N, C-alpha and C. Protein backbone atom coordinates (compact mmCIF):
# COMPACT_ATOMS: atom_id res chain seq x y z
N MET A 1 0.84 -1.19 0.00
CA MET A 1 0.00 0.00 0.00
C MET A 1 0.88 1.25 0.00
N THR A 2 0.40 2.24 -0.62
CA THR A 2 1.16 3.47 -0.69
C THR A 2 0.86 4.33 0.52
N SER A 3 1.72 5.28 0.73
CA SER A 3 1.55 6.21 1.84
C SER A 3 0.27 7.04 1.66
N LEU A 4 -0.05 7.39 0.41
CA LEU A 4 -1.27 8.15 0.12
C LEU A 4 -2.50 7.32 0.48
N HIS A 5 -2.47 6.03 0.15
CA HIS A 5 -3.58 5.14 0.48
C HIS A 5 -3.75 5.03 2.00
N ASN A 6 -2.63 4.88 2.71
CA ASN A 6 -2.68 4.80 4.18
C ASN A 6 -3.23 6.09 4.78
N SER A 7 -2.85 7.21 4.22
CA SER A 7 -3.34 8.50 4.72
C SER A 7 -4.85 8.62 4.51
N LYS A 8 -5.33 8.17 3.35
CA LYS A 8 -6.79 8.22 3.10
C LYS A 8 -7.53 7.31 4.07
N LEU A 9 -6.99 6.12 4.31
CA LEU A 9 -7.62 5.21 5.27
C LEU A 9 -7.64 5.82 6.67
N ALA A 10 -6.55 6.48 7.03
CA ALA A 10 -6.49 7.13 8.34
C ALA A 10 -7.55 8.23 8.45
N LEU A 11 -7.71 9.01 7.38
CA LEU A 11 -8.73 10.06 7.38
C LEU A 11 -10.13 9.48 7.47
N TYR A 12 -10.39 8.40 6.73
CA TYR A 12 -11.70 7.74 6.81
C TYR A 12 -11.96 7.24 8.23
N ALA A 13 -10.94 6.68 8.85
CA ALA A 13 -11.09 6.18 10.22
C ALA A 13 -11.38 7.33 11.19
N LEU A 14 -10.72 8.44 11.00
CA LEU A 14 -10.95 9.60 11.87
C LEU A 14 -12.36 10.16 11.69
N VAL A 15 -12.82 10.22 10.44
CA VAL A 15 -14.18 10.70 10.18
C VAL A 15 -15.20 9.73 10.79
N ALA A 16 -14.97 8.44 10.63
CA ALA A 16 -15.88 7.44 11.22
C ALA A 16 -15.89 7.55 12.74
N GLU A 17 -14.73 7.73 13.33
CA GLU A 17 -14.66 7.90 14.79
C GLU A 17 -15.44 9.13 15.22
N GLY A 18 -15.26 10.22 14.51
CA GLY A 18 -15.99 11.45 14.84
C GLY A 18 -17.49 11.25 14.73
N PHE A 19 -17.92 10.54 13.69
CA PHE A 19 -19.34 10.28 13.48
C PHE A 19 -19.91 9.42 14.61
N PHE A 20 -19.31 8.27 14.86
CA PHE A 20 -19.89 7.34 15.82
C PHE A 20 -19.79 7.83 17.27
N MET A 21 -18.71 8.49 17.61
CA MET A 21 -18.62 9.04 18.97
C MET A 21 -19.66 10.15 19.16
N ARG A 22 -19.80 11.00 18.17
CA ARG A 22 -20.77 12.09 18.31
C ARG A 22 -22.19 11.58 18.25
N LEU A 23 -22.44 10.50 17.51
CA LEU A 23 -23.76 9.89 17.48
C LEU A 23 -24.15 9.43 18.89
N GLY A 24 -23.26 8.72 19.53
CA GLY A 24 -23.52 8.26 20.89
C GLY A 24 -23.71 9.40 21.88
N PHE A 25 -22.85 10.39 21.77
CA PHE A 25 -22.96 11.50 22.71
C PHE A 25 -24.08 12.46 22.33
N GLY A 26 -24.57 12.39 21.09
CA GLY A 26 -25.79 13.13 20.74
C GLY A 26 -26.97 12.58 21.50
N ILE A 27 -27.02 11.26 21.59
CA ILE A 27 -28.08 10.60 22.37
C ILE A 27 -27.95 11.00 23.83
N ILE A 28 -26.74 10.92 24.34
CA ILE A 28 -26.51 11.25 25.75
C ILE A 28 -26.83 12.71 26.04
N SER A 29 -26.45 13.60 25.14
CA SER A 29 -26.67 15.03 25.41
C SER A 29 -28.15 15.38 25.46
N PHE A 30 -28.99 14.60 24.76
CA PHE A 30 -30.44 14.80 24.83
C PHE A 30 -30.99 14.24 26.14
N ALA A 31 -30.55 13.05 26.51
CA ALA A 31 -31.11 12.36 27.66
C ALA A 31 -30.56 12.85 29.00
N LEU A 32 -29.33 13.32 29.02
CA LEU A 32 -28.68 13.67 30.29
C LEU A 32 -29.45 14.71 31.11
N PRO A 33 -29.90 15.83 30.51
CA PRO A 33 -30.64 16.79 31.32
C PRO A 33 -31.94 16.21 31.89
N LEU A 34 -32.60 15.37 31.11
CA LEU A 34 -33.82 14.73 31.59
C LEU A 34 -33.52 13.82 32.77
N TYR A 35 -32.43 13.07 32.65
CA TYR A 35 -32.04 12.17 33.73
C TYR A 35 -31.62 12.96 34.97
N ALA A 36 -30.87 14.03 34.76
CA ALA A 36 -30.45 14.87 35.89
C ALA A 36 -31.66 15.41 36.64
N ARG A 37 -32.65 15.86 35.91
CA ARG A 37 -33.87 16.37 36.54
C ARG A 37 -34.59 15.26 37.30
N SER A 38 -34.58 14.04 36.75
CA SER A 38 -35.24 12.93 37.44
C SER A 38 -34.51 12.55 38.73
N LEU A 39 -33.23 12.89 38.82
CA LEU A 39 -32.47 12.65 40.05
C LEU A 39 -32.64 13.79 41.05
N GLY A 40 -33.41 14.80 40.68
CA GLY A 40 -33.70 15.89 41.61
C GLY A 40 -32.89 17.14 41.42
N LEU A 41 -32.07 17.22 40.37
CA LEU A 41 -31.32 18.45 40.14
C LEU A 41 -32.28 19.55 39.70
N SER A 42 -32.03 20.74 40.18
CA SER A 42 -32.82 21.90 39.75
C SER A 42 -32.41 22.27 38.33
N LEU A 43 -33.15 23.21 37.75
CA LEU A 43 -32.76 23.68 36.42
C LEU A 43 -31.37 24.31 36.44
N ALA A 44 -31.08 25.09 37.48
CA ALA A 44 -29.76 25.72 37.59
C ALA A 44 -28.67 24.67 37.73
N GLU A 45 -28.90 23.66 38.57
CA GLU A 45 -27.91 22.60 38.75
C GLU A 45 -27.72 21.80 37.46
N THR A 46 -28.80 21.58 36.75
CA THR A 46 -28.71 20.87 35.46
C THR A 46 -27.89 21.70 34.47
N GLY A 47 -28.09 23.00 34.48
CA GLY A 47 -27.29 23.87 33.62
C GLY A 47 -25.82 23.82 33.96
N VAL A 48 -25.50 23.80 35.26
CA VAL A 48 -24.11 23.69 35.68
C VAL A 48 -23.54 22.34 35.25
N LEU A 49 -24.34 21.28 35.42
CA LEU A 49 -23.89 19.95 34.99
C LEU A 49 -23.52 19.95 33.51
N LEU A 50 -24.36 20.56 32.69
CA LEU A 50 -24.08 20.61 31.26
C LEU A 50 -22.87 21.48 30.95
N ALA A 51 -22.65 22.51 31.75
CA ALA A 51 -21.52 23.42 31.53
C ALA A 51 -20.18 22.81 31.95
N VAL A 52 -20.21 21.82 32.84
CA VAL A 52 -18.97 21.22 33.34
C VAL A 52 -18.10 20.73 32.19
N LEU A 53 -18.69 20.08 31.21
CA LEU A 53 -17.93 19.57 30.07
C LEU A 53 -17.11 20.68 29.42
N GLY A 54 -17.76 21.78 29.08
CA GLY A 54 -17.06 22.88 28.42
C GLY A 54 -16.00 23.53 29.30
N LEU A 55 -16.30 23.66 30.58
CA LEU A 55 -15.33 24.27 31.49
C LEU A 55 -14.08 23.40 31.66
N VAL A 56 -14.29 22.10 31.76
CA VAL A 56 -13.14 21.19 31.91
C VAL A 56 -12.32 21.19 30.62
N LYS A 57 -13.00 21.15 29.47
CA LYS A 57 -12.27 21.22 28.19
C LYS A 57 -11.44 22.49 28.11
N LEU A 58 -12.06 23.59 28.45
CA LEU A 58 -11.37 24.88 28.39
C LEU A 58 -10.13 24.89 29.28
N ALA A 59 -10.28 24.35 30.47
CA ALA A 59 -9.16 24.36 31.42
C ALA A 59 -8.05 23.40 31.03
N LEU A 60 -8.39 22.28 30.42
CA LEU A 60 -7.41 21.22 30.20
C LEU A 60 -6.86 21.10 28.78
N LYS A 61 -7.48 21.73 27.79
CA LYS A 61 -7.01 21.56 26.41
C LYS A 61 -5.56 21.97 26.19
N PRO A 62 -5.10 23.10 26.73
CA PRO A 62 -3.68 23.42 26.51
C PRO A 62 -2.74 22.34 27.04
N ALA A 63 -3.03 21.84 28.23
CA ALA A 63 -2.19 20.78 28.80
C ALA A 63 -2.35 19.49 28.01
N ALA A 64 -3.56 19.20 27.54
CA ALA A 64 -3.79 17.99 26.76
C ALA A 64 -3.05 18.06 25.42
N GLY A 65 -3.03 19.23 24.80
CA GLY A 65 -2.27 19.40 23.56
C GLY A 65 -0.78 19.17 23.80
N TRP A 66 -0.27 19.71 24.88
CA TRP A 66 1.13 19.50 25.25
C TRP A 66 1.40 18.01 25.46
N LEU A 67 0.48 17.34 26.17
CA LEU A 67 0.62 15.91 26.42
C LEU A 67 0.63 15.12 25.12
N ALA A 68 -0.29 15.46 24.21
CA ALA A 68 -0.34 14.77 22.91
C ALA A 68 0.96 14.94 22.15
N ASP A 69 1.56 16.12 22.25
CA ASP A 69 2.85 16.35 21.60
C ASP A 69 3.95 15.48 22.22
N ARG A 70 3.86 15.23 23.50
CA ARG A 70 4.88 14.45 24.20
C ARG A 70 4.72 12.95 24.03
N VAL A 71 3.49 12.44 24.14
CA VAL A 71 3.28 10.98 24.09
C VAL A 71 2.92 10.50 22.69
N GLY A 72 2.57 11.41 21.82
CA GLY A 72 2.17 11.06 20.45
C GLY A 72 0.67 11.20 20.29
N THR A 73 0.28 11.68 19.13
CA THR A 73 -1.14 11.95 18.90
C THR A 73 -1.97 10.67 18.84
N LYS A 74 -1.41 9.59 18.31
CA LYS A 74 -2.17 8.33 18.25
C LYS A 74 -2.42 7.79 19.65
N ARG A 75 -1.39 7.79 20.48
CA ARG A 75 -1.56 7.32 21.86
C ARG A 75 -2.55 8.19 22.62
N ALA A 76 -2.45 9.48 22.44
CA ALA A 76 -3.37 10.38 23.13
C ALA A 76 -4.80 10.15 22.66
N LEU A 77 -4.99 9.93 21.36
CA LEU A 77 -6.33 9.66 20.84
C LEU A 77 -6.88 8.36 21.40
N ILE A 78 -6.06 7.34 21.44
CA ILE A 78 -6.51 6.06 22.01
C ILE A 78 -6.90 6.24 23.48
N ALA A 79 -6.10 6.97 24.24
CA ALA A 79 -6.43 7.23 25.64
C ALA A 79 -7.76 7.99 25.76
N ALA A 80 -7.95 8.96 24.89
CA ALA A 80 -9.20 9.72 24.90
C ALA A 80 -10.39 8.84 24.57
N LEU A 81 -10.24 7.96 23.61
CA LEU A 81 -11.33 7.06 23.22
C LEU A 81 -11.65 6.06 24.33
N VAL A 82 -10.63 5.60 25.02
CA VAL A 82 -10.86 4.72 26.17
C VAL A 82 -11.64 5.48 27.25
N LEU A 83 -11.20 6.71 27.54
CA LEU A 83 -11.91 7.52 28.54
C LEU A 83 -13.36 7.76 28.14
N ARG A 84 -13.60 8.04 26.87
CA ARG A 84 -14.99 8.27 26.39
C ARG A 84 -15.82 7.01 26.53
N SER A 85 -15.23 5.87 26.29
CA SER A 85 -15.95 4.61 26.47
C SER A 85 -16.28 4.39 27.94
N VAL A 86 -15.34 4.73 28.81
CA VAL A 86 -15.58 4.63 30.26
C VAL A 86 -16.72 5.56 30.65
N VAL A 87 -16.75 6.76 30.10
CA VAL A 87 -17.83 7.71 30.39
C VAL A 87 -19.18 7.09 30.02
N SER A 88 -19.28 6.54 28.83
CA SER A 88 -20.54 5.93 28.41
C SER A 88 -20.94 4.79 29.33
N PHE A 89 -19.98 3.97 29.69
CA PHE A 89 -20.25 2.84 30.59
C PHE A 89 -20.72 3.34 31.96
N LEU A 90 -20.03 4.30 32.51
CA LEU A 90 -20.37 4.79 33.85
C LEU A 90 -21.74 5.48 33.88
N LEU A 91 -22.10 6.14 32.80
CA LEU A 91 -23.41 6.79 32.76
C LEU A 91 -24.56 5.79 32.92
N ALA A 92 -24.33 4.56 32.50
CA ALA A 92 -25.36 3.53 32.63
C ALA A 92 -25.62 3.18 34.09
N PHE A 93 -24.68 3.48 34.97
CA PHE A 93 -24.81 3.11 36.38
C PHE A 93 -24.93 4.30 37.32
N ALA A 94 -24.85 5.50 36.80
CA ALA A 94 -24.92 6.69 37.65
C ALA A 94 -26.30 6.81 38.27
N SER A 95 -26.33 6.99 39.57
CA SER A 95 -27.62 7.09 40.25
C SER A 95 -27.67 8.24 41.25
N ALA A 96 -26.63 9.04 41.27
CA ALA A 96 -26.58 10.19 42.18
C ALA A 96 -26.02 11.39 41.43
N PRO A 97 -26.47 12.59 41.80
CA PRO A 97 -25.97 13.78 41.11
C PRO A 97 -24.45 13.91 41.12
N TRP A 98 -23.80 13.61 42.24
CA TRP A 98 -22.34 13.75 42.28
C TRP A 98 -21.67 12.83 41.26
N GLU A 99 -22.29 11.67 40.99
CA GLU A 99 -21.74 10.77 39.99
C GLU A 99 -21.84 11.39 38.59
N LEU A 100 -22.95 12.05 38.31
CA LEU A 100 -23.08 12.72 37.02
C LEU A 100 -22.04 13.82 36.86
N PHE A 101 -21.80 14.59 37.91
CA PHE A 101 -20.79 15.65 37.84
C PHE A 101 -19.39 15.06 37.63
N THR A 102 -19.09 13.97 38.30
CA THR A 102 -17.78 13.32 38.14
C THR A 102 -17.62 12.79 36.73
N ILE A 103 -18.66 12.15 36.22
CA ILE A 103 -18.61 11.58 34.86
C ILE A 103 -18.46 12.69 33.83
N ARG A 104 -19.16 13.80 34.02
CA ARG A 104 -19.04 14.92 33.08
C ARG A 104 -17.62 15.50 33.12
N THR A 105 -17.00 15.48 34.26
CA THR A 105 -15.62 15.96 34.38
C THR A 105 -14.68 15.05 33.59
N VAL A 106 -14.86 13.74 33.72
CA VAL A 106 -14.04 12.79 32.96
C VAL A 106 -14.32 12.94 31.46
N HIS A 107 -15.58 13.19 31.11
CA HIS A 107 -15.92 13.43 29.71
C HIS A 107 -15.18 14.66 29.19
N GLY A 108 -15.14 15.71 29.99
CA GLY A 108 -14.40 16.91 29.60
C GLY A 108 -12.92 16.63 29.40
N LEU A 109 -12.34 15.83 30.29
CA LEU A 109 -10.94 15.44 30.16
C LEU A 109 -10.73 14.67 28.86
N SER A 110 -11.61 13.71 28.57
CA SER A 110 -11.45 12.92 27.35
C SER A 110 -11.54 13.80 26.11
N THR A 111 -12.44 14.76 26.13
CA THR A 111 -12.59 15.66 24.98
C THR A 111 -11.39 16.58 24.85
N ALA A 112 -10.87 17.03 25.98
CA ALA A 112 -9.68 17.89 25.95
C ALA A 112 -8.49 17.15 25.33
N VAL A 113 -8.37 15.88 25.61
CA VAL A 113 -7.26 15.09 25.05
C VAL A 113 -7.54 14.74 23.59
N ARG A 114 -8.79 14.44 23.28
CA ARG A 114 -9.16 13.99 21.95
C ARG A 114 -9.01 15.08 20.88
N THR A 115 -9.48 16.27 21.17
CA THR A 115 -9.53 17.32 20.16
C THR A 115 -8.17 17.66 19.55
N PRO A 116 -7.14 17.97 20.34
CA PRO A 116 -5.86 18.29 19.69
C PRO A 116 -5.26 17.08 18.97
N SER A 117 -5.51 15.89 19.50
CA SER A 117 -4.97 14.68 18.86
C SER A 117 -5.61 14.46 17.49
N VAL A 118 -6.94 14.54 17.44
CA VAL A 118 -7.64 14.35 16.16
C VAL A 118 -7.23 15.42 15.17
N ASN A 119 -7.20 16.66 15.60
CA ASN A 119 -6.83 17.74 14.69
C ASN A 119 -5.42 17.55 14.14
N ALA A 120 -4.50 17.15 15.00
CA ALA A 120 -3.12 16.92 14.54
C ALA A 120 -3.07 15.75 13.56
N LEU A 121 -3.84 14.71 13.83
CA LEU A 121 -3.85 13.56 12.92
C LEU A 121 -4.48 13.89 11.58
N ILE A 122 -5.52 14.70 11.59
CA ILE A 122 -6.11 15.13 10.32
C ILE A 122 -5.10 15.96 9.53
N ALA A 123 -4.41 16.85 10.21
CA ALA A 123 -3.39 17.67 9.54
C ALA A 123 -2.24 16.80 9.02
N GLU A 124 -1.89 15.77 9.77
CA GLU A 124 -0.80 14.88 9.36
C GLU A 124 -1.17 14.04 8.15
N HIS A 125 -2.40 13.57 8.09
CA HIS A 125 -2.81 12.65 7.03
C HIS A 125 -3.57 13.31 5.88
N GLY A 126 -3.93 14.55 6.04
CA GLY A 126 -4.66 15.25 4.99
C GLY A 126 -3.74 15.71 3.88
N ASP A 127 -4.30 15.83 2.71
CA ASP A 127 -3.57 16.34 1.55
C ASP A 127 -3.37 17.83 1.74
N GLU A 128 -2.16 18.30 1.57
CA GLU A 128 -1.86 19.72 1.76
C GLU A 128 -2.75 20.61 0.90
N LYS A 129 -3.13 20.14 -0.27
CA LYS A 129 -3.95 20.94 -1.18
C LYS A 129 -5.44 20.81 -0.91
N ALA A 130 -5.80 19.91 0.02
CA ALA A 130 -7.21 19.70 0.33
C ALA A 130 -7.43 19.62 1.85
N MET A 131 -6.63 20.35 2.58
CA MET A 131 -6.71 20.32 4.04
C MET A 131 -8.07 20.81 4.52
N GLY A 132 -8.57 21.85 3.92
CA GLY A 132 -9.88 22.37 4.29
C GLY A 132 -10.96 21.31 4.12
N SER A 133 -10.88 20.56 3.05
CA SER A 133 -11.86 19.50 2.80
C SER A 133 -11.76 18.40 3.86
N ALA A 134 -10.55 18.04 4.25
CA ALA A 134 -10.38 16.99 5.27
C ALA A 134 -11.05 17.42 6.58
N PHE A 135 -10.78 18.64 7.00
CA PHE A 135 -11.40 19.12 8.24
C PHE A 135 -12.91 19.28 8.07
N ALA A 136 -13.34 19.73 6.89
CA ALA A 136 -14.78 19.92 6.65
C ALA A 136 -15.52 18.59 6.74
N TRP A 137 -14.97 17.54 6.15
CA TRP A 137 -15.64 16.24 6.22
C TRP A 137 -15.73 15.75 7.66
N TYR A 138 -14.65 15.93 8.40
CA TYR A 138 -14.64 15.49 9.80
C TYR A 138 -15.72 16.22 10.61
N PHE A 139 -15.74 17.53 10.52
CA PHE A 139 -16.68 18.30 11.32
C PHE A 139 -18.12 18.16 10.80
N THR A 140 -18.29 17.92 9.51
CA THR A 140 -19.63 17.65 8.97
C THR A 140 -20.16 16.33 9.52
N ALA A 141 -19.33 15.31 9.53
CA ALA A 141 -19.73 14.01 10.07
C ALA A 141 -20.12 14.13 11.54
N LYS A 142 -19.33 14.89 12.31
CA LYS A 142 -19.64 15.08 13.73
C LYS A 142 -20.95 15.83 13.92
N SER A 143 -21.16 16.88 13.17
CA SER A 143 -22.39 17.68 13.31
C SER A 143 -23.61 16.88 12.91
N PHE A 144 -23.51 16.15 11.81
CA PHE A 144 -24.62 15.33 11.36
C PHE A 144 -24.95 14.26 12.40
N ALA A 145 -23.93 13.61 12.93
CA ALA A 145 -24.14 12.55 13.92
C ALA A 145 -24.77 13.11 15.20
N ALA A 146 -24.37 14.29 15.62
CA ALA A 146 -24.96 14.89 16.83
C ALA A 146 -26.45 15.12 16.62
N ALA A 147 -26.82 15.62 15.45
CA ALA A 147 -28.24 15.86 15.16
C ALA A 147 -29.01 14.55 15.11
N VAL A 148 -28.46 13.56 14.43
CA VAL A 148 -29.12 12.26 14.33
C VAL A 148 -29.23 11.62 15.72
N GLY A 149 -28.18 11.73 16.52
CA GLY A 149 -28.21 11.18 17.87
C GLY A 149 -29.32 11.77 18.72
N LYS A 150 -29.51 13.06 18.63
CA LYS A 150 -30.58 13.71 19.39
C LYS A 150 -31.95 13.25 18.90
N ALA A 151 -32.10 13.10 17.60
CA ALA A 151 -33.37 12.62 17.05
C ALA A 151 -33.64 11.18 17.49
N ILE A 152 -32.61 10.37 17.48
CA ILE A 152 -32.74 8.98 17.94
C ILE A 152 -33.14 8.95 19.41
N ALA A 153 -32.49 9.77 20.21
CA ALA A 153 -32.81 9.80 21.65
C ALA A 153 -34.26 10.18 21.89
N GLY A 154 -34.72 11.21 21.21
CA GLY A 154 -36.12 11.62 21.36
C GLY A 154 -37.07 10.53 20.95
N THR A 155 -36.75 9.87 19.85
CA THR A 155 -37.60 8.78 19.36
C THR A 155 -37.60 7.60 20.33
N LEU A 156 -36.42 7.22 20.80
CA LEU A 156 -36.34 6.09 21.74
C LEU A 156 -37.06 6.38 23.05
N LEU A 157 -36.91 7.60 23.55
CA LEU A 157 -37.61 7.95 24.80
C LEU A 157 -39.12 7.96 24.60
N THR A 158 -39.57 8.44 23.45
CA THR A 158 -41.00 8.43 23.16
C THR A 158 -41.53 7.01 23.08
N LEU A 159 -40.82 6.15 22.36
CA LEU A 159 -41.24 4.75 22.24
C LEU A 159 -41.22 4.05 23.59
N ALA A 160 -40.18 4.31 24.37
CA ALA A 160 -40.08 3.67 25.69
C ALA A 160 -41.21 4.12 26.60
N SER A 161 -41.51 5.42 26.60
CA SER A 161 -42.55 5.91 27.49
C SER A 161 -43.92 5.39 27.07
N SER A 162 -44.18 5.29 25.76
CA SER A 162 -45.48 4.77 25.33
C SER A 162 -45.59 3.27 25.62
N THR A 163 -44.49 2.54 25.51
CA THR A 163 -44.50 1.12 25.83
C THR A 163 -44.73 0.90 27.31
N ILE A 164 -44.05 1.66 28.15
CA ILE A 164 -44.23 1.56 29.60
C ILE A 164 -45.65 1.93 29.98
N ALA A 165 -46.17 2.97 29.36
CA ALA A 165 -47.54 3.39 29.65
C ALA A 165 -48.54 2.31 29.26
N ARG A 166 -48.31 1.67 28.12
CA ARG A 166 -49.19 0.62 27.67
C ARG A 166 -49.15 -0.58 28.63
N ILE A 167 -47.97 -0.91 29.09
CA ILE A 167 -47.81 -2.05 30.00
C ILE A 167 -48.41 -1.75 31.37
N SER A 168 -48.14 -0.54 31.88
CA SER A 168 -48.59 -0.21 33.24
C SER A 168 -50.00 0.37 33.27
N GLY A 169 -50.50 0.77 32.12
CA GLY A 169 -51.82 1.37 32.07
C GLY A 169 -51.86 2.81 32.55
N SER A 170 -50.69 3.42 32.70
CA SER A 170 -50.64 4.82 33.14
C SER A 170 -49.98 5.66 32.07
N ARG A 171 -50.11 6.96 32.22
CA ARG A 171 -49.54 7.90 31.27
C ARG A 171 -48.26 8.47 31.87
N ILE A 172 -47.18 8.47 31.08
CA ILE A 172 -45.90 9.02 31.50
C ILE A 172 -45.63 10.26 30.68
N ALA A 173 -45.32 11.34 31.34
CA ALA A 173 -45.01 12.59 30.63
C ALA A 173 -43.52 12.77 30.60
N LEU A 174 -42.97 12.85 29.41
CA LEU A 174 -41.54 13.14 29.25
C LEU A 174 -41.38 14.49 28.64
């Protein structure tokens, strides 16, 4: 295989990773505030919970970029993907508000590590004359997946609530 072929495969893999990770977190981003409210968080607390991700990313991205430069972008990306998988797993078992805040903090850390690594890898494997296109495909896939994930979450919650209502004979308002 040629180096150009390997670079294209690497770009396809990065776009696929962006799509599937954002698809999953699109679902989570729709359901998380609803779940937080069901655990008793106020609207203000739910807003803070949602903001934790961005605040942690903001605080840690410079250090995460430095780390990616030191350990290598591939290793940093793998570590970020492992952390994101842990976040998804832990969310399935979270039953207290403090657990949600902790998980969102880890999610922020994973995103802080992932972003500079992915961007560096896209720059490394992208064609110099089509760099804009490489980044555009990646971010388009992520944006599309986030929208689809939210639609899937709404649909799944609607189906689940109607099924539960049918079984229990009561009406559930979501």
